[in-house]
Amino acid sequence: MDLRQFFLSCCVTTVPLKWLNLLNDETANLYERRIPILDIVCRGKFLTFMDAPVLDTFKSSTEQLLLKPLIALMNASVEQSDYKSVLHCVKCIFYIDPINETAFHTQTRVLKRLGKIRELQDAIIHYNETYKKMYGEDKEK
């Protein structure tokens, strides 16, 4: 890893801490909590360019810190019928956990409600392909 990559990784790991705190702050309203963290998470997998085994625990714990509040935001968006935000949350959750069943089932329900049949079919195919890639077998229905 060169010096530039190291510097970027330090920035990536320290800057989001304030957003993690905001995301877990139950007193902040949904809009305040959702916007900054979704923008960060949807940039892609956390520290994907760093494959050092020593960072696996750190990456995993950071991803788990993000997952619970993201699912809560997704569910709150469903209750408010804010389907665009739901799909945005689903996309972010899939960056962290590509086969998250809660996000997948929510995604399929929302796409059905919106009448987006082609997108629904694509989502199901993609989910099943990802599952097979990760586990080497088809997902049971």
Foldseek 3Di string as FASTA:
>chain_A
DDPVLVVVLVCLVPVCPVLLVLLPDPVDDLVSNQPPVLVSLLVAARPPVDPDPVCPVVSLVVLVSVQVSLLVSLVVCVVVVVLVSNVSSLSSNCRSPVQPPSSLVSVLVSCVVVVVVVVNVVSVVSNQVVVCVVPVDGDDD
